[in-house]
Amino acid sequence: MNSSTFAPMYTIISATNRKGSNTLKVSKQYQTFFQEAGIACNLYSLEDFRSFEKDEAFSQIESDLLIPTDKFIFVMPEYNGSFPGIFKLMMDISDIKRCWNFKKVMLVGVANGRAGNLRGLDTMTNMCHYMKMNVYHDKLPLSSVSNELVNDEFVHEHTLKAIKFQIEGFIKF
């Protein structure tokens, strides 16, 4: 297919089932920034994820969203030095080859601590490599995220610049 006529499908995964999370707020901001850059971007939140095994509901998520997506953005909060188990469970029950192999992924860490989920980003990078995913090099750890968001929007100019730089690079990736 001619690359000039091919528009990749982008999907952000808000990787926690915690209600009202900062992760979902960050994910929505990323979706807005992608739209501002001219890229339509799906947003899938694990807030209501209830598939603990491969069932009909999850098969629908796979066929409608995961399989057709070319480029993923994983927004992951820090849970015990890693990322939420619900996200790992979702990946584990999926058809790895069809959902993840050879797809591109950008990683964003979210934490109220000072490291922005660096350990979780490293762990996910290793998992993505195992699943034959192409991980974008600019992994952004967002630290002290509660101080970064005012009315659910980023307010610090240096953070906004870092996010937009990351997105710009990922679009070209």
N, C-alpha and C. Protein backbone atom coordinates (compact mmCIF):
# COMPACT_ATOMS: atom_id res chain seq x y z
N MET A 1 0.85 -1.18 0.00
CA MET A 1 0.00 0.00 0.00
C MET A 1 0.89 1.24 0.00
N ASN A 2 0.52 2.24 -0.73
CA ASN A 2 1.26 3.49 -0.80
C ASN A 2 1.18 4.21 0.55
N SER A 3 2.34 4.51 1.13
CA SER A 3 2.35 5.12 2.46
C SER A 3 1.70 6.50 2.47
N SER A 4 1.64 7.18 1.33
CA SER A 4 1.02 8.50 1.32
C SER A 4 -0.50 8.41 1.43
N THR A 5 -1.08 7.25 1.15
CA THR A 5 -2.53 7.09 1.26
C THR A 5 -2.93 6.31 2.50
N PHE A 6 -1.97 5.81 3.23
CA PHE A 6 -2.23 5.01 4.41
C PHE A 6 -2.20 5.88 5.65
N ALA A 7 -3.31 5.94 6.36
CA ALA A 7 -3.36 6.68 7.61
C ALA A 7 -3.39 5.68 8.76
N PRO A 8 -2.34 5.63 9.56
CA PRO A 8 -2.33 4.66 10.65
C PRO A 8 -3.40 4.97 11.69
N MET A 9 -3.89 3.92 12.32
CA MET A 9 -4.87 4.07 13.40
C MET A 9 -4.10 4.18 14.72
N TYR A 10 -4.42 5.21 15.49
CA TYR A 10 -3.80 5.47 16.79
C TYR A 10 -4.81 5.15 17.89
N THR A 11 -4.32 4.54 18.97
CA THR A 11 -5.16 4.29 20.14
C THR A 11 -4.36 4.54 21.41
N ILE A 12 -4.94 5.35 22.28
CA ILE A 12 -4.40 5.58 23.62
C ILE A 12 -5.08 4.58 24.55
N ILE A 13 -4.28 3.91 25.37
CA ILE A 13 -4.85 3.04 26.40
C ILE A 13 -4.53 3.66 27.75
N SER A 14 -5.59 4.03 28.48
CA SER A 14 -5.47 4.51 29.85
C SER A 14 -5.44 3.27 30.73
N ALA A 15 -4.25 2.93 31.21
CA ALA A 15 -3.96 1.59 31.72
C ALA A 15 -4.28 1.36 33.19
N THR A 16 -5.41 1.84 33.66
CA THR A 16 -5.84 1.53 35.02
C THR A 16 -7.35 1.42 35.06
N ASN A 17 -7.84 0.61 35.99
CA ASN A 17 -9.29 0.51 36.19
C ASN A 17 -9.74 1.37 37.38
N ARG A 18 -8.84 2.16 37.91
CA ARG A 18 -9.19 3.05 39.03
C ARG A 18 -10.08 4.18 38.52
N LYS A 19 -11.23 4.34 39.14
CA LYS A 19 -12.18 5.39 38.75
C LYS A 19 -11.62 6.77 39.07
N GLY A 20 -11.85 7.72 38.16
CA GLY A 20 -11.45 9.10 38.38
C GLY A 20 -9.95 9.31 38.45
N SER A 21 -9.18 8.48 37.78
CA SER A 21 -7.72 8.51 37.91
C SER A 21 -7.09 9.68 37.15
N ASN A 22 -5.92 10.07 37.62
CA ASN A 22 -5.11 11.04 36.88
C ASN A 22 -4.68 10.46 35.54
N THR A 23 -4.55 9.14 35.48
CA THR A 23 -4.15 8.48 34.23
C THR A 23 -5.15 8.78 33.12
N LEU A 24 -6.43 8.71 33.42
CA LEU A 24 -7.44 9.01 32.42
C LEU A 24 -7.41 10.50 32.04
N LYS A 25 -7.18 11.36 33.02
CA LYS A 25 -7.06 12.79 32.74
C LYS A 25 -5.89 13.06 31.79
N VAL A 26 -4.75 12.42 32.06
CA VAL A 26 -3.57 12.57 31.20
C VAL A 26 -3.88 12.01 29.81
N SER A 27 -4.54 10.86 29.76
CA SER A 27 -4.89 10.23 28.48
C SER A 27 -5.77 11.15 27.64
N LYS A 28 -6.73 11.79 28.27
CA LYS A 28 -7.61 12.72 27.55
C LYS A 28 -6.83 13.92 27.03
N GLN A 29 -5.86 14.39 27.81
CA GLN A 29 -5.02 15.50 27.35
C GLN A 29 -4.21 15.07 26.14
N TYR A 30 -3.65 13.87 26.19
CA TYR A 30 -2.89 13.35 25.04
C TYR A 30 -3.79 13.26 23.81
N GLN A 31 -5.01 12.80 23.99
CA GLN A 31 -5.93 12.70 22.86
C GLN A 31 -6.17 14.08 22.25
N THR A 32 -6.35 15.08 23.08
CA THR A 32 -6.53 16.45 22.61
C THR A 32 -5.30 16.93 21.85
N PHE A 33 -4.12 16.66 22.38
CA PHE A 33 -2.88 17.11 21.73
C PHE A 33 -2.67 16.40 20.39
N PHE A 34 -3.01 15.13 20.30
CA PHE A 34 -2.92 14.43 19.01
C PHE A 34 -3.90 15.06 18.02
N GLN A 35 -5.11 15.36 18.47
CA GLN A 35 -6.09 16.00 17.58
C GLN A 35 -5.59 17.35 17.11
N GLU A 36 -4.97 18.12 17.99
CA GLU A 36 -4.41 19.42 17.61
C GLU A 36 -3.31 19.25 16.56
N ALA A 37 -2.64 18.10 16.58
CA ALA A 37 -1.58 17.81 15.60
C ALA A 37 -2.15 17.19 14.32
N GLY A 38 -3.48 17.09 14.24
CA GLY A 38 -4.13 16.58 13.04
C GLY A 38 -4.29 15.07 12.99
N ILE A 39 -4.15 14.41 14.14
CA ILE A 39 -4.24 12.95 14.20
C ILE A 39 -5.46 12.54 15.01
N ALA A 40 -6.37 11.79 14.37
CA ALA A 40 -7.50 11.21 15.10
C ALA A 40 -6.95 10.08 15.97
N CYS A 41 -7.36 10.05 17.22
CA CYS A 41 -6.78 9.10 18.16
C CYS A 41 -7.88 8.53 19.05
N ASN A 42 -8.05 7.21 19.02
CA ASN A 42 -9.02 6.56 19.91
C ASN A 42 -8.49 6.61 21.34
N LEU A 43 -9.42 6.55 22.29
CA LEU A 43 -9.06 6.46 23.70
C LEU A 43 -9.81 5.29 24.30
N TYR A 44 -9.06 4.35 24.85
CA TYR A 44 -9.66 3.21 25.52
C TYR A 44 -9.22 3.21 26.97
N SER A 45 -10.18 3.34 27.87
CA SER A 45 -9.91 3.34 29.30
C SER A 45 -10.23 1.96 29.88
N LEU A 46 -9.39 1.51 30.78
CA LEU A 46 -9.64 0.24 31.45
C LEU A 46 -10.54 0.40 32.68
N GLU A 47 -11.11 1.59 32.88
CA GLU A 47 -12.00 1.82 34.03
C GLU A 47 -13.11 0.78 34.12
N ASP A 48 -13.68 0.42 33.01
CA ASP A 48 -14.80 -0.52 33.02
C ASP A 48 -14.43 -1.88 32.47
N PHE A 49 -13.14 -2.17 32.40
CA PHE A 49 -12.68 -3.45 31.88
C PHE A 49 -13.09 -4.56 32.84
N ARG A 50 -13.80 -5.56 32.32
CA ARG A 50 -14.32 -6.64 33.17
C ARG A 50 -13.99 -8.02 32.63
N SER A 51 -13.19 -8.12 31.59
CA SER A 51 -12.86 -9.42 30.99
C SER A 51 -11.64 -10.00 31.69
N PHE A 52 -11.85 -11.04 32.47
CA PHE A 52 -10.74 -11.67 33.16
C PHE A 52 -10.31 -12.96 32.45
N GLU A 53 -10.95 -13.21 31.34
CA GLU A 53 -10.57 -14.30 30.45
C GLU A 53 -11.05 -13.91 29.07
N LYS A 54 -10.61 -14.65 28.08
CA LYS A 54 -11.00 -14.34 26.70
C LYS A 54 -12.48 -14.67 26.53
N ASP A 55 -13.31 -13.64 26.57
CA ASP A 55 -14.75 -13.81 26.43
C ASP A 55 -15.25 -13.03 25.22
N GLU A 56 -16.53 -13.04 24.99
CA GLU A 56 -17.10 -12.36 23.83
C GLU A 56 -16.86 -10.85 23.87
N ALA A 57 -16.98 -10.26 25.06
CA ALA A 57 -16.76 -8.81 25.20
C ALA A 57 -15.33 -8.44 24.83
N PHE A 58 -14.36 -9.23 25.30
CA PHE A 58 -12.98 -8.92 24.98
C PHE A 58 -12.67 -9.18 23.51
N SER A 59 -13.24 -10.23 22.96
CA SER A 59 -13.04 -10.50 21.53
C SER A 59 -13.52 -9.33 20.68
N GLN A 60 -14.58 -8.67 21.12
CA GLN A 60 -15.08 -7.49 20.42
C GLN A 60 -14.09 -6.33 20.52
N ILE A 61 -13.49 -6.13 21.70
CA ILE A 61 -12.48 -5.09 21.88
C ILE A 61 -11.29 -5.36 20.97
N GLU A 62 -10.89 -6.62 20.91
CA GLU A 62 -9.78 -6.99 20.02
C GLU A 62 -10.09 -6.65 18.57
N SER A 63 -11.24 -7.10 18.09
CA SER A 63 -11.55 -6.93 16.67
C SER A 63 -11.84 -5.47 16.31
N ASP A 64 -12.46 -4.72 17.19
CA ASP A 64 -12.82 -3.34 16.90
C ASP A 64 -11.66 -2.36 17.12
N LEU A 65 -10.79 -2.67 18.07
CA LEU A 65 -9.80 -1.67 18.48
C LEU A 65 -8.36 -2.16 18.44
N LEU A 66 -8.06 -3.23 19.13
CA LEU A 66 -6.66 -3.63 19.29
C LEU A 66 -6.04 -4.12 17.99
N ILE A 67 -6.71 -4.99 17.28
CA ILE A 67 -6.14 -5.54 16.04
C ILE A 67 -5.96 -4.46 14.97
N PRO A 68 -6.94 -3.58 14.75
CA PRO A 68 -6.75 -2.58 13.69
C PRO A 68 -5.78 -1.44 14.03
N THR A 69 -5.45 -1.27 15.30
CA THR A 69 -4.56 -0.17 15.69
C THR A 69 -3.14 -0.44 15.20
N ASP A 70 -2.52 0.60 14.63
CA ASP A 70 -1.15 0.53 14.16
C ASP A 70 -0.17 1.11 15.18
N LYS A 71 -0.63 2.16 15.90
CA LYS A 71 0.24 2.87 16.83
C LYS A 71 -0.50 3.06 18.15
N PHE A 72 0.10 2.53 19.21
CA PHE A 72 -0.48 2.64 20.55
C PHE A 72 0.26 3.67 21.38
N ILE A 73 -0.49 4.28 22.29
CA ILE A 73 0.07 5.14 23.33
C ILE A 73 -0.41 4.53 24.63
N PHE A 74 0.52 4.03 25.45
CA PHE A 74 0.18 3.45 26.74
C PHE A 74 0.45 4.50 27.81
N VAL A 75 -0.60 4.94 28.49
CA VAL A 75 -0.47 5.88 29.61
C VAL A 75 -0.65 5.04 30.87
N MET A 76 0.44 4.90 31.63
CA MET A 76 0.48 3.93 32.72
C MET A 76 0.84 4.58 34.06
N PRO A 77 -0.03 4.42 35.05
CA PRO A 77 0.31 4.90 36.38
C PRO A 77 1.29 3.96 37.06
N GLU A 78 1.96 4.47 38.06
CA GLU A 78 2.87 3.66 38.86
C GLU A 78 2.06 2.91 39.92
N TYR A 79 2.13 1.60 39.87
CA TYR A 79 1.54 0.74 40.90
C TYR A 79 2.66 -0.14 41.43
N ASN A 80 3.08 0.09 42.65
CA ASN A 80 4.09 -0.75 43.31
C ASN A 80 5.36 -0.92 42.48
N GLY A 81 5.84 0.17 41.92
CA GLY A 81 7.07 0.13 41.14
C GLY A 81 6.91 -0.44 39.75
N SER A 82 5.69 -0.56 39.28
CA SER A 82 5.45 -1.11 37.95
C SER A 82 4.22 -0.43 37.35
N PHE A 83 3.32 -1.21 36.78
CA PHE A 83 2.08 -0.67 36.21
C PHE A 83 0.94 -1.59 36.64
N PRO A 84 -0.30 -1.19 36.45
CA PRO A 84 -1.43 -1.97 36.97
C PRO A 84 -1.54 -3.38 36.38
N GLY A 85 -1.87 -4.31 37.24
CA GLY A 85 -2.06 -5.69 36.83
C GLY A 85 -3.18 -5.87 35.84
N ILE A 86 -4.20 -5.01 35.91
CA ILE A 86 -5.33 -5.12 34.98
C ILE A 86 -4.85 -4.92 33.53
N PHE A 87 -3.86 -4.06 33.35
CA PHE A 87 -3.31 -3.84 32.01
C PHE A 87 -2.55 -5.08 31.54
N LYS A 88 -1.75 -5.65 32.42
CA LYS A 88 -1.04 -6.89 32.08
C LYS A 88 -2.02 -8.01 31.78
N LEU A 89 -3.09 -8.11 32.56
CA LEU A 89 -4.11 -9.13 32.32
C LEU A 89 -4.73 -8.95 30.94
N MET A 90 -5.06 -7.70 30.58
CA MET A 90 -5.65 -7.46 29.27
C MET A 90 -4.71 -7.93 28.16
N MET A 91 -3.44 -7.63 28.31
CA MET A 91 -2.47 -8.06 27.30
C MET A 91 -2.33 -9.58 27.29
N ASP A 92 -2.33 -10.19 28.47
CA ASP A 92 -2.14 -11.63 28.57
C ASP A 92 -3.26 -12.44 27.92
N ILE A 93 -4.49 -11.94 27.97
CA ILE A 93 -5.60 -12.70 27.38
C ILE A 93 -5.80 -12.39 25.90
N SER A 94 -5.04 -11.44 25.40
CA SER A 94 -5.20 -11.05 24.00
C SER A 94 -4.47 -12.00 23.06
N ASP A 95 -4.81 -11.89 21.80
CA ASP A 95 -4.10 -12.60 20.75
C ASP A 95 -2.84 -11.78 20.47
N ILE A 96 -1.74 -12.17 21.09
CA ILE A 96 -0.50 -11.39 21.05
C ILE A 96 -0.08 -11.06 19.62
N LYS A 97 -0.08 -12.06 18.77
CA LYS A 97 0.40 -11.85 17.40
C LYS A 97 -0.46 -10.84 16.65
N ARG A 98 -1.76 -10.91 16.80
CA ARG A 98 -2.63 -10.02 16.03
C ARG A 98 -2.79 -8.65 16.67
N CYS A 99 -2.73 -8.57 17.98
CA CYS A 99 -2.94 -7.29 18.66
C CYS A 99 -1.67 -6.46 18.80
N TRP A 100 -0.52 -7.12 19.02
CA TRP A 100 0.66 -6.37 19.43
C TRP A 100 1.88 -6.53 18.52
N ASN A 101 2.09 -7.69 17.93
CA ASN A 101 3.32 -7.91 17.16
C ASN A 101 3.51 -6.86 16.07
N PHE A 102 4.70 -6.29 16.06
CA PHE A 102 5.16 -5.33 15.04
C PHE A 102 4.38 -4.01 15.02
N LYS A 103 3.63 -3.76 16.08
CA LYS A 103 2.95 -2.46 16.21
C LYS A 103 3.92 -1.49 16.87
N LYS A 104 3.67 -0.20 16.68
CA LYS A 104 4.47 0.84 17.31
C LYS A 104 3.79 1.30 18.59
N VAL A 105 4.61 1.67 19.58
CA VAL A 105 4.05 2.08 20.86
C VAL A 105 4.88 3.21 21.47
N MET A 106 4.16 4.14 22.07
CA MET A 106 4.77 5.23 22.82
C MET A 106 4.34 5.06 24.28
N LEU A 107 5.28 5.24 25.20
CA LEU A 107 5.02 5.02 26.62
C LEU A 107 5.03 6.33 27.40
N VAL A 108 4.03 6.46 28.29
CA VAL A 108 3.92 7.62 29.17
C VAL A 108 3.71 7.09 30.58
N GLY A 109 4.55 7.52 31.51
CA GLY A 109 4.41 7.13 32.91
C GLY A 109 3.74 8.24 33.69
N VAL A 110 2.92 7.86 34.66
CA VAL A 110 2.17 8.82 35.47
C VAL A 110 2.37 8.45 36.94
N ALA A 111 2.80 9.43 37.73
CA ALA A 111 2.95 9.18 39.17
C ALA A 111 2.89 10.50 39.93
N ASN A 112 2.51 10.40 41.18
CA ASN A 112 2.58 11.57 42.04
C ASN A 112 3.94 11.69 42.69
N GLY A 113 4.73 10.65 42.58
CA GLY A 113 6.10 10.69 43.09
C GLY A 113 7.01 11.41 42.13
N ARG A 114 8.30 11.35 42.41
CA ARG A 114 9.26 12.14 41.64
C ARG A 114 9.80 11.42 40.42
N ALA A 115 9.53 10.12 40.27
CA ALA A 115 10.15 9.39 39.16
C ALA A 115 9.22 9.17 37.98
N GLY A 116 7.95 9.48 38.09
CA GLY A 116 7.04 9.39 36.95
C GLY A 116 6.86 7.99 36.39
N ASN A 117 7.01 6.98 37.25
CA ASN A 117 6.87 5.57 36.87
C ASN A 117 7.98 5.09 35.94
N LEU A 118 9.19 5.52 36.19
CA LEU A 118 10.33 5.06 35.38
C LEU A 118 10.47 3.54 35.40
N ARG A 119 10.29 2.92 36.56
CA ARG A 119 10.41 1.46 36.64
C ARG A 119 9.33 0.78 35.81
N GLY A 120 8.12 1.29 35.87
CA GLY A 120 7.04 0.73 35.07
C GLY A 120 7.30 0.88 33.58
N LEU A 121 7.87 2.02 33.18
CA LEU A 121 8.21 2.24 31.77
C LEU A 121 9.27 1.24 31.32
N ASP A 122 10.25 0.98 32.18
CA ASP A 122 11.28 -0.01 31.84
C ASP A 122 10.69 -1.41 31.73
N THR A 123 9.84 -1.77 32.67
CA THR A 123 9.21 -3.10 32.64
C THR A 123 8.36 -3.25 31.38
N MET A 124 7.58 -2.22 31.06
CA MET A 124 6.73 -2.30 29.87
C MET A 124 7.57 -2.34 28.60
N THR A 125 8.68 -1.61 28.58
CA THR A 125 9.57 -1.66 27.41
C THR A 125 10.03 -3.10 27.18
N ASN A 126 10.44 -3.78 28.23
CA ASN A 126 10.86 -5.18 28.10
C ASN A 126 9.72 -6.06 27.61
N MET A 127 8.53 -5.86 28.14
CA MET A 127 7.38 -6.65 27.69
C MET A 127 7.08 -6.38 26.22
N CYS A 128 7.11 -5.12 25.83
CA CYS A 128 6.82 -4.77 24.44
C CYS A 128 7.85 -5.40 23.50
N HIS A 129 9.10 -5.37 23.88
CA HIS A 129 10.13 -6.01 23.05
C HIS A 129 9.86 -7.51 22.94
N TYR A 130 9.47 -8.14 24.03
CA TYR A 130 9.16 -9.56 24.00
C TYR A 130 8.00 -9.84 23.03
N MET A 131 7.02 -8.91 22.99
CA MET A 131 5.86 -9.07 22.11
C MET A 131 6.12 -8.52 20.71
N LYS A 132 7.39 -8.25 20.41
CA LYS A 132 7.82 -7.78 19.10
C LYS A 132 7.22 -6.44 18.71
N MET A 133 7.03 -5.57 19.71
CA MET A 133 6.54 -4.22 19.44
C MET A 133 7.73 -3.29 19.25
N ASN A 134 7.52 -2.23 18.50
CA ASN A 134 8.54 -1.21 18.27
C ASN A 134 8.28 -0.05 19.22
N VAL A 135 9.12 0.10 20.21
CA VAL A 135 8.94 1.10 21.26
C VAL A 135 9.63 2.40 20.85
N TYR A 136 8.86 3.49 20.86
CA TYR A 136 9.41 4.81 20.57
C TYR A 136 10.39 5.20 21.68
N HIS A 137 11.53 5.74 21.31
CA HIS A 137 12.61 6.00 22.27
C HIS A 137 12.28 7.05 23.33
N ASP A 138 11.42 8.01 23.02
CA ASP A 138 11.13 9.12 23.95
C ASP A 138 10.01 8.70 24.89
N LYS A 139 10.38 8.08 26.01
CA LYS A 139 9.41 7.64 27.03
C LYS A 139 9.32 8.76 28.07
N LEU A 140 8.13 9.27 28.28
CA LEU A 140 7.98 10.45 29.14
C LEU A 140 7.43 10.08 30.51
N PRO A 141 8.25 10.22 31.57
CA PRO A 141 7.76 10.01 32.93
C PRO A 141 7.18 11.32 33.47
N LEU A 142 5.90 11.33 33.73
CA LEU A 142 5.24 12.53 34.26
C LEU A 142 5.17 12.42 35.79
N SER A 143 6.01 13.20 36.46
CA SER A 143 6.13 13.18 37.91
C SER A 143 5.20 14.22 38.54
N SER A 144 4.89 14.01 39.82
CA SER A 144 4.05 14.96 40.57
C SER A 144 2.86 15.40 39.74
N VAL A 145 2.19 14.43 39.15
CA VAL A 145 1.15 14.72 38.17
C VAL A 145 -0.01 15.53 38.75
N SER A 146 -0.31 15.37 40.03
CA SER A 146 -1.39 16.16 40.64
C SER A 146 -1.06 17.65 40.63
N ASN A 147 0.24 17.97 40.68
CA ASN A 147 0.66 19.37 40.61
C ASN A 147 0.73 19.88 39.17
N GLU A 148 0.80 18.95 38.22
CA GLU A 148 0.87 19.32 36.80
C GLU A 148 -0.49 19.66 36.22
N LEU A 149 -1.54 19.04 36.78
CA LEU A 149 -2.90 19.20 36.23
C LEU A 149 -3.71 20.20 37.06
N VAL A 150 -4.29 21.16 36.39
CA VAL A 150 -5.22 22.10 37.00
C VAL A 150 -6.49 22.04 36.16
N ASN A 151 -7.61 21.74 36.80
CA ASN A 151 -8.87 21.53 36.07
C ASN A 151 -8.69 20.51 34.96
N ASP A 152 -7.94 19.44 35.28
CA ASP A 152 -7.71 18.30 34.39
C ASP A 152 -6.90 18.66 33.14
N GLU A 153 -6.16 19.75 33.17
CA GLU A 153 -5.33 20.15 32.04
C GLU A 153 -3.92 20.48 32.53
N PHE A 154 -2.93 20.17 31.68
CA PHE A 154 -1.55 20.52 32.01
C PHE A 154 -1.39 22.03 31.96
N VAL A 155 -0.67 22.57 32.94
CA VAL A 155 -0.52 24.02 33.02
C VAL A 155 0.93 24.49 32.95
N HIS A 156 1.88 23.61 33.20
CA HIS A 156 3.29 24.02 33.19
C HIS A 156 3.85 23.95 31.78
N GLU A 157 4.41 25.06 31.34
CA GLU A 157 4.89 25.18 29.97
C GLU A 157 5.95 24.13 29.62
N HIS A 158 6.86 23.84 30.54
CA HIS A 158 7.90 22.86 30.25
C HIS A 158 7.31 21.47 30.03
N THR A 159 6.26 21.13 30.77
CA THR A 159 5.61 19.83 30.60
C THR A 159 4.87 19.79 29.27
N LEU A 160 4.16 20.84 28.95
CA LEU A 160 3.44 20.92 27.67
C LEU A 160 4.41 20.78 26.50
N LYS A 161 5.55 21.44 26.59
CA LYS A 161 6.55 21.34 25.51
C LYS A 161 7.07 19.92 25.38
N ALA A 162 7.34 19.27 26.51
CA ALA A 162 7.86 17.89 26.48
C ALA A 162 6.83 16.94 25.87
N ILE A 163 5.57 17.10 26.24
CA ILE A 163 4.51 16.24 25.70
C ILE A 163 4.36 16.45 24.20
N LYS A 164 4.28 17.68 23.79
CA LYS A 164 4.09 17.96 22.37
C LYS A 164 5.30 17.53 21.53
N PHE A 165 6.49 17.64 22.09
CA PHE A 165 7.69 17.16 21.41
C PHE A 165 7.63 15.64 21.26
N GLN A 166 7.21 14.96 22.32
CA GLN A 166 7.06 13.50 22.28
C GLN A 166 6.05 13.09 21.21
N ILE A 167 4.91 13.74 21.19
CA ILE A 167 3.86 13.42 20.22
C ILE A 167 4.35 13.67 18.79
N GLU A 168 4.98 14.81 18.57
CA GLU A 168 5.49 15.14 17.24
C GLU A 168 6.45 14.07 16.73
N GLY A 169 7.33 13.63 17.59
CA GLY A 169 8.28 12.59 17.21
C GLY A 169 7.59 11.26 16.95
N PHE A 170 6.59 10.92 17.76
CA PHE A 170 5.90 9.64 17.59
C PHE A 170 5.11 9.61 16.28
N ILE A 171 4.54 10.72 15.90
CA ILE A 171 3.81 10.78 14.63
C ILE A 171 4.75 10.46 13.47
N LYS A 172 6.00 10.94 13.55
CA LYS A 172 6.99 10.67 12.50
C LYS A 172 7.57 9.26 12.57
N PHE A 173 7.45 8.62 13.73
CA PHE A 173 8.04 7.30 13.99
C PHE A 173 7.39 6.20 13.16
